[in-house]
């Protein structure tokens, strides 16, 4: 029901929102990350984390011109 991933976010100007069933927990390992859920925007640094309902439109991207590495854990419920 929970899927962990190590994700590398490369710098980009694009801001693409997504939404899907489940919940997400993100933990920043390296770099800086911008997270937006609905109208709420957070800028996270190494050691920071965020948890949200992923049915809400959300955006996750590197906040700088360097890559960002995160631990992403997605919870999709019982299968």
PDB file of N, CA and C in Angstrom:
ATOM      1  N   UNK A   1       0.803  -1.196   0.000  1.00  0.00           N
ATOM      2  CA  UNK A   1       0.000   0.000   0.000  1.00  0.00           C
ATOM      3  C   UNK A   1       0.847   1.263   0.000  1.00  0.00           C
ATOM      4  N   UNK A   2       2.096   1.152   0.469  1.00  0.00           N
ATOM      5  CA  UNK A   2       3.013   2.297   0.456  1.00  0.00           C
ATOM      6  C   UNK A   2       4.164   1.967  -0.482  1.00  0.00           C
ATOM      7  N   UNK A   3       4.500   2.945  -1.331  1.00  0.00           N
ATOM      8  CA  UNK A   3       5.597   2.748  -2.276  1.00  0.00           C
ATOM      9  C   UNK A   3       6.638   3.839  -2.071  1.00  0.00           C
ATOM     10  N   UNK A   4       7.862   3.463  -1.636  1.00  0.00           N
ATOM     11  CA  UNK A   4       8.923   4.462  -1.475  1.00  0.00           C
ATOM     12  C   UNK A   4       9.762   4.587  -2.746  1.00  0.00           C
ATOM     13  N   UNK A   5      10.184   5.818  -3.041  1.00  0.00           N
ATOM     14  CA  UNK A   5      11.026   6.104  -4.195  1.00  0.00           C
ATOM     15  C   UNK A   5      12.072   7.130  -3.816  1.00  0.00           C
ATOM     16  N   UNK A   6      13.257   7.018  -4.379  1.00  0.00           N
ATOM     17  CA  UNK A   6      14.231   8.105  -4.343  1.00  0.00           C
ATOM     18  C   UNK A   6      14.078   8.800  -5.697  1.00  0.00           C
ATOM     19  N   UNK A   7      13.779  10.098  -5.673  1.00  0.00           N
ATOM     20  CA  UNK A   7      13.479  10.845  -6.888  1.00  0.00           C
ATOM     21  C   UNK A   7      14.477  11.986  -7.034  1.00  0.00           C
ATOM     22  N   UNK A   8      14.989  12.185  -8.240  1.00  0.00           N
ATOM     23  CA  UNK A   8      15.832  13.337  -8.547  1.00  0.00           C
ATOM     24  C   UNK A   8      15.010  14.312  -9.372  1.00  0.00           C
ATOM     25  N   UNK A   9      14.833  15.515  -8.840  1.00  0.00           N
ATOM     26  CA  UNK A   9      14.109  16.571  -9.533  1.00  0.00           C
ATOM     27  C   UNK A   9      15.131  17.469 -10.218  1.00  0.00           C
ATOM     28  N   UNK A  10      15.069  17.521 -11.531  1.00  0.00           N
ATOM     29  CA  UNK A  10      15.983  18.368 -12.288  1.00  0.00           C
ATOM     30  C   UNK A  10      15.376  19.762 -12.426  1.00  0.00           C
ATOM     31  N   UNK A  11      16.213  20.792 -12.502  1.00  0.00           N
ATOM     32  CA  UNK A  11      15.704  22.161 -12.650  1.00  0.00           C
ATOM     33  C   UNK A  11      14.850  22.299 -13.913  1.00  0.00           C
ATOM     34  N   UNK A  12      13.762  23.038 -13.791  1.00  0.00           N
ATOM     35  CA  UNK A  12      12.888  23.301 -14.935  1.00  0.00           C
ATOM     36  C   UNK A  12      12.051  24.541 -14.644  1.00  0.00           C
ATOM     37  N   UNK A  13      11.658  25.207 -15.695  1.00  0.00           N
ATOM     38  CA  UNK A  13      10.757  26.353 -15.561  1.00  0.00           C
ATOM     39  C   UNK A  13       9.303  25.892 -15.539  1.00  0.00           C
ATOM     40  N   UNK A  14       9.048  24.684 -16.031  1.00  0.00           N
ATOM     41  CA  UNK A  14       7.681  24.164 -16.125  1.00  0.00           C
ATOM     42  C   UNK A  14       7.068  23.988 -14.738  1.00  0.00           C
ATOM     43  N   UNK A  15       5.771  24.239 -14.656  1.00  0.00           N
ATOM     44  CA  UNK A  15       5.026  24.015 -13.419  1.00  0.00           C
ATOM     45  C   UNK A  15       3.777  23.224 -13.768  1.00  0.00           C
ATOM     46  N   UNK A  16       3.902  21.899 -13.695  1.00  0.00           N
ATOM     47  CA  UNK A  16       2.812  21.006 -14.049  1.00  0.00           C
ATOM     48  C   UNK A  16       2.193  20.404 -12.798  1.00  0.00           C
ATOM     49  N   UNK A  17       0.914  20.683 -12.588  1.00  0.00           N
ATOM     50  CA  UNK A  17       0.196  20.130 -11.446  1.00  0.00           C
ATOM     51  C   UNK A  17      -0.324  18.745 -11.793  1.00  0.00           C
ATOM     52  N   UNK A  18      -0.459  17.909 -10.778  1.00  0.00           N
ATOM     53  CA  UNK A  18      -1.053  16.593 -10.967  1.00  0.00           C
ATOM     54  C   UNK A  18      -1.952  16.300  -9.775  1.00  0.00           C
ATOM     55  N   UNK A  19      -2.779  15.291  -9.920  1.00  0.00           N
ATOM     56  CA  UNK A  19      -3.584  14.792  -8.810  1.00  0.00           C
ATOM     57  C   UNK A  19      -3.880  13.323  -9.092  1.00  0.00           C
ATOM     58  N   UNK A  20      -3.998  12.551  -8.026  1.00  0.00           N
ATOM     59  CA  UNK A  20      -4.245  11.112  -8.140  1.00  0.00           C
ATOM     60  C   UNK A  20      -4.699  10.597  -6.789  1.00  0.00           C
ATOM     61  N   UNK A  21      -5.235   9.406  -6.754  1.00  0.00           N
ATOM     62  CA  UNK A  21      -5.683   8.821  -5.497  1.00  0.00           C
ATOM     63  C   UNK A  21      -4.519   8.653  -4.544  1.00  0.00           C
ATOM     64  N   UNK A  22      -4.776   8.776  -3.259  1.00  0.00           N
ATOM     65  CA  UNK A  22      -3.780   8.470  -2.241  1.00  0.00           C
ATOM     66  C   UNK A  22      -3.265   9.675  -1.484  1.00  0.00           C
ATOM     67  N   UNK A  23      -2.127   9.446  -0.841  1.00  0.00           N
ATOM     68  CA  UNK A  23      -1.449  10.451  -0.031  1.00  0.00           C
ATOM     69  C   UNK A  23       0.042  10.350  -0.325  1.00  0.00           C
ATOM     70  N   UNK A  24       0.771  11.461  -0.057  1.00  0.00           N
ATOM     71  CA  UNK A  24       2.214  11.471  -0.295  1.00  0.00           C
ATOM     72  C   UNK A  24       2.958  12.053   0.892  1.00  0.00           C
ATOM     73  N   UNK A  25       4.106  11.460   1.167  1.00  0.00           N
ATOM     74  CA  UNK A  25       5.062  11.971   2.142  1.00  0.00           C
ATOM     75  C   UNK A  25       6.355  12.221   1.379  1.00  0.00           C
ATOM     76  N   UNK A  26       6.885  13.445   1.446  1.00  0.00           N
ATOM     77  CA  UNK A  26       8.128  13.789   0.756  1.00  0.00           C
ATOM     78  C   UNK A  26       9.143  14.295   1.770  1.00  0.00           C
ATOM     79  N   UNK A  27      10.387  13.824   1.662  1.00  0.00           N
ATOM     80  CA  UNK A  27      11.472  14.209   2.552  1.00  0.00           C
ATOM     81  C   UNK A  27      12.647  14.645   1.684  1.00  0.00           C
ATOM     82  N   UNK A  28      13.149  15.853   1.902  1.00  0.00           N
ATOM     83  CA  UNK A  28      14.246  16.377   1.081  1.00  0.00           C
ATOM     84  C   UNK A  28      15.583  15.830   1.577  1.00  0.00           C
ATOM     85  N   UNK A  29      16.319  15.185   0.673  1.00  0.00           N
ATOM     86  CA  UNK A  29      17.644  14.645   0.976  1.00  0.00           C
ATOM     87  C   UNK A  29      18.745  15.625   0.597  1.00  0.00           C
ATOM     88  N   UNK A  30      18.555  16.319  -0.535  1.00  0.00           N
ATOM     89  CA  UNK A  30      19.598  17.195  -1.091  1.00  0.00           C
ATOM     90  C   UNK A  30      18.940  18.254  -1.964  1.00  0.00           C
ATOM     91  N   UNK A  31      19.395  19.488  -1.858  1.00  0.00           N
ATOM     92  CA  UNK A  31      18.860  20.572  -2.680  1.00  0.00           C
ATOM     93  C   UNK A  31      17.683  21.259  -2.006  1.00  0.00           C
ATOM     94  N   UNK A  32      16.921  21.998  -2.806  1.00  0.00           N
ATOM     95  CA  UNK A  32      15.739  22.704  -2.307  1.00  0.00           C
ATOM     96  C   UNK A  32      14.565  22.415  -3.222  1.00  0.00           C
ATOM     97  N   UNK A  33      13.385  22.282  -2.625  1.00  0.00           N
ATOM     98  CA  UNK A  33      12.215  21.870  -3.366  1.00  0.00           C
ATOM     99  C   UNK A  33      11.056  22.830  -3.125  1.00  0.00           C
ATOM    100  N   UNK A  34      10.302  23.080  -4.188  1.00  0.00           N
ATOM    101  CA  UNK A  34       9.051  23.837  -4.083  1.00  0.00           C
ATOM    102  C   UNK A  34       7.915  22.828  -4.125  1.00  0.00           C
ATOM    103  N   UNK A  35       7.001  22.935  -3.163  1.00  0.00           N
ATOM    104  CA  UNK A  35       5.805  22.098  -3.138  1.00  0.00           C
ATOM    105  C   UNK A  35       4.602  23.026  -3.063  1.00  0.00           C
ATOM    106  N   UNK A  36       3.653  22.804  -3.938  1.00  0.00           N
ATOM    107  CA  UNK A  36       2.414  23.572  -3.887  1.00  0.00           C
ATOM    108  C   UNK A  36       1.251  22.601  -3.903  1.00  0.00           C
ATOM    109  N   UNK A  37       0.384  22.722  -2.909  1.00  0.00           N
ATOM    110  CA  UNK A  37      -0.841  21.926  -2.828  1.00  0.00           C
ATOM    111  C   UNK A  37      -1.986  22.930  -2.790  1.00  0.00           C
ATOM    112  N   UNK A  38      -2.774  22.943  -3.855  1.00  0.00           N
ATOM    113  CA  UNK A  38      -3.805  23.978  -3.964  1.00  0.00           C
ATOM    114  C   UNK A  38      -3.135  25.338  -4.025  1.00  0.00           C
ATOM    115  N   UNK A  39      -3.520  26.245  -3.121  1.00  0.00           N
ATOM    116  CA  UNK A  39      -2.936  27.588  -3.081  1.00  0.00           C
ATOM    117  C   UNK A  39      -1.768  27.703  -2.106  1.00  0.00           C
ATOM    118  N   UNK A  40      -1.498  26.645  -1.334  1.00  0.00           N
ATOM    119  CA  UNK A  40      -0.433  26.694  -0.315  1.00  0.00           C
ATOM    120  C   UNK A  40       0.913  26.301  -0.927  1.00  0.00           C
ATOM    121  N   UNK A  41       1.915  27.187  -0.770  1.00  0.00           N
ATOM    122  CA  UNK A  41       3.259  26.956  -1.314  1.00  0.00           C
ATOM    123  C   UNK A  41       4.255  26.828  -0.162  1.00  0.00           C
ATOM    124  N   UNK A  42       5.120  25.823  -0.241  1.00  0.00           N
ATOM    125  CA  UNK A  42       6.177  25.601   0.747  1.00  0.00           C
ATOM    126  C   UNK A  42       7.502  25.456   0.010  1.00  0.00           C
ATOM    127  N   UNK A  43       8.573  25.979   0.596  1.00  0.00           N
ATOM    128  CA  UNK A  43       9.925  25.775   0.094  1.00  0.00           C
ATOM    129  C   UNK A  43      10.663  24.960   1.137  1.00  0.00           C
ATOM    130  N   UNK A  44      11.156  23.791   0.749  1.00  0.00           N
ATOM    131  CA  UNK A  44      11.762  22.853   1.687  1.00  0.00           C
ATOM    132  C   UNK A  44      13.244  22.667   1.406  1.00  0.00           C
ATOM    133  N   UNK A  45      14.005  22.477   2.486  1.00  0.00           N
ATOM    134  CA  UNK A  45      15.453  22.244   2.416  1.00  0.00           C
ATOM    135  C   UNK A  45      15.757  20.865   2.988  1.00  0.00           C
ATOM    136  N   UNK A  46      16.991  20.392   2.878  1.00  0.00           N
ATOM    137  CA  UNK A  46      17.332  19.073   3.398  1.00  0.00           C
ATOM    138  C   UNK A  46      16.892  18.911   4.861  1.00  0.00           C
ATOM    139  N   UNK A  47      16.232  17.783   5.114  1.00  0.00           N
ATOM    140  CA  UNK A  47      15.719  17.497   6.446  1.00  0.00           C
ATOM    141  C   UNK A  47      14.265  17.894   6.621  1.00  0.00           C
ATOM    142  N   UNK A  48      13.739  18.710   5.703  1.00  0.00           N
ATOM    143  CA  UNK A  48      12.327  19.105   5.765  1.00  0.00           C
ATOM    144  C   UNK A  48      11.463  18.037   5.097  1.00  0.00           C
ATOM    145  N   UNK A  49      10.196  17.984   5.525  1.00  0.00           N
ATOM    146  CA  UNK A  49       9.263  17.010   4.961  1.00  0.00           C
ATOM    147  C   UNK A  49       7.885  17.640   4.818  1.00  0.00           C
ATOM    148  N   UNK A  50       7.071  17.022   3.977  1.00  0.00           N
ATOM    149  CA  UNK A  50       5.689  17.454   3.787  1.00  0.00           C
ATOM    150  C   UNK A  50       4.837  16.208   3.555  1.00  0.00           C
ATOM    151  N   UNK A  51       3.586  16.281   4.003  1.00  0.00           N
ATOM    152  CA  UNK A  51       2.636  15.181   3.848  1.00  0.00           C
ATOM    153  C   UNK A  51       1.323  15.784   3.375  1.00  0.00           C
ATOM    154  N   UNK A  52       0.717  15.225   2.320  1.00  0.00           N
ATOM    155  CA  UNK A  52      -0.516  15.807   1.810  1.00  0.00           C
ATOM    156  C   UNK A  52      -1.385  14.769   1.111  1.00  0.00           C
ATOM    157  N   UNK A  53      -2.645  15.141   0.939  1.00  0.00           N
ATOM    158  CA  UNK A  53      -3.632  14.364   0.214  1.00  0.00           C
ATOM    159  C   UNK A  53      -3.382  14.594  -1.273  1.00  0.00           C
ATOM    160  N   UNK A  54      -2.974  13.566  -1.991  1.00  0.00           N
ATOM    161  CA  UNK A  54      -2.593  13.750  -3.391  1.00  0.00           C
ATOM    162  C   UNK A  54      -3.780  13.785  -4.351  1.00  0.00           C
ATOM    163  N   UNK A  55      -5.014  13.731  -3.821  1.00  0.00           N
ATOM    164  CA  UNK A  55      -6.168  13.974  -4.684  1.00  0.00           C
ATOM    165  C   UNK A  55      -6.300  15.467  -4.967  1.00  0.00           C
ATOM    166  N   UNK A  56      -5.625  16.294  -4.149  1.00  0.00           N
ATOM    167  CA  UNK A  56      -5.607  17.734  -4.375  1.00  0.00           C
ATOM    168  C   UNK A  56      -4.579  18.052  -5.463  1.00  0.00           C
ATOM    169  N   UNK A  57      -4.853  19.013  -6.347  1.00  0.00           N
ATOM    170  CA  UNK A  57      -3.842  19.393  -7.349  1.00  0.00           C
ATOM    171  C   UNK A  57      -2.546  19.817  -6.651  1.00  0.00           C
ATOM    172  N   UNK A  58      -1.430  19.223  -7.069  1.00  0.00           N
ATOM    173  CA  UNK A  58      -0.152  19.517  -6.418  1.00  0.00           C
ATOM    174  C   UNK A  58       0.983  19.592  -7.430  1.00  0.00           C
ATOM    175  N   UNK A  59       2.003  20.333  -7.031  1.00  0.00           N
ATOM    176  CA  UNK A  59       3.195  20.573  -7.839  1.00  0.00           C
ATOM    177  C   UNK A  59       4.412  20.303  -6.978  1.00  0.00           C
ATOM    178  N   UNK A  60       5.377  19.579  -7.508  1.00  0.00           N
ATOM    179  CA  UNK A  60       6.647  19.299  -6.827  1.00  0.00           C
ATOM    180  C   UNK A  60       7.750  19.567  -7.833  1.00  0.00           C
ATOM    181  N   UNK A  61       8.710  20.435  -7.483  1.00  0.00           N
ATOM    182  CA  UNK A  61       9.807  20.725  -8.402  1.00  0.00           C
ATOM    183  C   UNK A  61      11.018  21.246  -7.637  1.00  0.00           C
ATOM    184  N   UNK A  62      12.180  21.198  -8.285  1.00  0.00           N
ATOM    185  CA  UNK A  62      13.386  21.789  -7.714  1.00  0.00           C
ATOM    186  C   UNK A  62      13.155  23.289  -7.603  1.00  0.00           C
ATOM    187  N   UNK A  63      13.568  23.878  -6.479  1.00  0.00           N
ATOM    188  CA  UNK A  63      13.357  25.308  -6.255  1.00  0.00           C
ATOM    189  C   UNK A  63      14.544  26.151  -6.716  1.00  0.00           C
ATOM    190  N   UNK A  64      15.601  25.497  -7.193  1.00  0.00           N
ATOM    191  CA  UNK A  64      16.798  26.222  -7.620  1.00  0.00           C
ATOM    192  C   UNK A  64      17.226  25.720  -9.001  1.00  0.00           C
ATOM    193  N   UNK A  65      18.384  26.184  -9.449  1.00  0.00           N
ATOM    194  CA  UNK A  65      18.883  25.736 -10.756  1.00  0.00           C
ATOM    195  C   UNK A  65      19.806  24.531 -10.629  1.00  0.00           C
ATOM    196  N   UNK A  66      19.712  23.826  -9.502  1.00  0.00           N
ATOM    197  CA  UNK A  66      20.459  22.578  -9.317  1.00  0.00           C
ATOM    198  C   UNK A  66      19.459  21.468  -8.997  1.00  0.00           C
ATOM    199  N   UNK A  67      19.904  20.218  -9.139  1.00  0.00           N
ATOM    200  CA  UNK A  67      19.008  19.095  -8.882  1.00  0.00           C
ATOM    201  C   UNK A  67      18.656  18.993  -7.401  1.00  0.00           C
ATOM    202  N   UNK A  68      17.532  18.364  -7.143  1.00  0.00           N
ATOM    203  CA  UNK A  68      17.055  18.107  -5.785  1.00  0.00           C
ATOM    204  C   UNK A  68      16.752  16.626  -5.676  1.00  0.00           C
ATOM    205  N   UNK A  69      17.197  15.987  -4.590  1.00  0.00           N
ATOM    206  CA  UNK A  69      16.908  14.564  -4.363  1.00  0.00           C
ATOM    207  C   UNK A  69      15.971  14.445  -3.178  1.00  0.00           C
ATOM    208  N   UNK A  70      14.912  13.646  -3.364  1.00  0.00           N
ATOM    209  CA  UNK A  70      13.929  13.473  -2.304  1.00  0.00           C
ATOM    210  C   UNK A  70      13.588  11.990  -2.109  1.00  0.00           C
ATOM    211  N   UNK A  71      13.099  11.672  -0.916  1.00  0.00           N
ATOM    212  CA  UNK A  71      12.463  10.397  -0.650  1.00  0.00           C
ATOM    213  C   UNK A  71      10.966  10.678  -0.764  1.00  0.00           C
ATOM    214  N   UNK A  72      10.304   9.983  -1.671  1.00  0.00           N
ATOM    215  CA  UNK A  72       8.864  10.123  -1.856  1.00  0.00           C
ATOM    216  C   UNK A  72       8.204   8.799  -1.479  1.00  0.00           C
ATOM    217  N   UNK A  73       7.236   8.862  -0.562  1.00  0.00           N
ATOM    218  CA  UNK A  73       6.488   7.674  -0.178  1.00  0.00           C
ATOM    219  C   UNK A  73       5.033   7.914  -0.542  1.00  0.00           C
ATOM    220  N   UNK A  74       4.508   7.085  -1.456  1.00  0.00           N
ATOM    221  CA  UNK A  74       3.129   7.215  -1.902  1.00  0.00           C
ATOM    222  C   UNK A  74       2.282   6.132  -1.260  1.00  0.00           C
ATOM    223  N   UNK A  75       1.152   6.551  -0.715  1.00  0.00           N
ATOM    224  CA  UNK A  75       0.190   5.625  -0.118  1.00  0.00           C
ATOM    225  C   UNK A  75      -1.033   5.606  -0.997  1.00  0.00           C
ATOM    226  N   UNK A  76      -1.406   4.432  -1.490  1.00  0.00           N
ATOM    227  CA  UNK A  76      -2.530   4.332  -2.402  1.00  0.00           C
ATOM    228  C   UNK A  76      -3.699   3.568  -1.815  1.00  0.00           C
ATOM    229  N   UNK A  77      -3.607   3.115  -0.567  1.00  0.00           N
ATOM    230  CA  UNK A  77      -4.705   2.386   0.064  1.00  0.00           C
ATOM    231  C   UNK A  77      -4.686   0.922  -0.287  1.00  0.00           C
ATOM    232  N   UNK A  78      -5.665   0.214   0.225  1.00  0.00           N
ATOM    233  CA  UNK A  78      -5.749  -1.236   0.028  1.00  0.00           C
ATOM    234  C   UNK A  78      -6.008  -1.558  -1.436  1.00  0.00           C
ATOM    235  N   UNK A  79      -5.392  -2.639  -1.897  1.00  0.00           N
ATOM    236  CA  UNK A  79      -5.580  -3.075  -3.284  1.00  0.00           C
ATOM    237  C   UNK A  79      -6.371  -4.367  -3.311  1.00  0.00           C
TER     238      UNK A  79
END
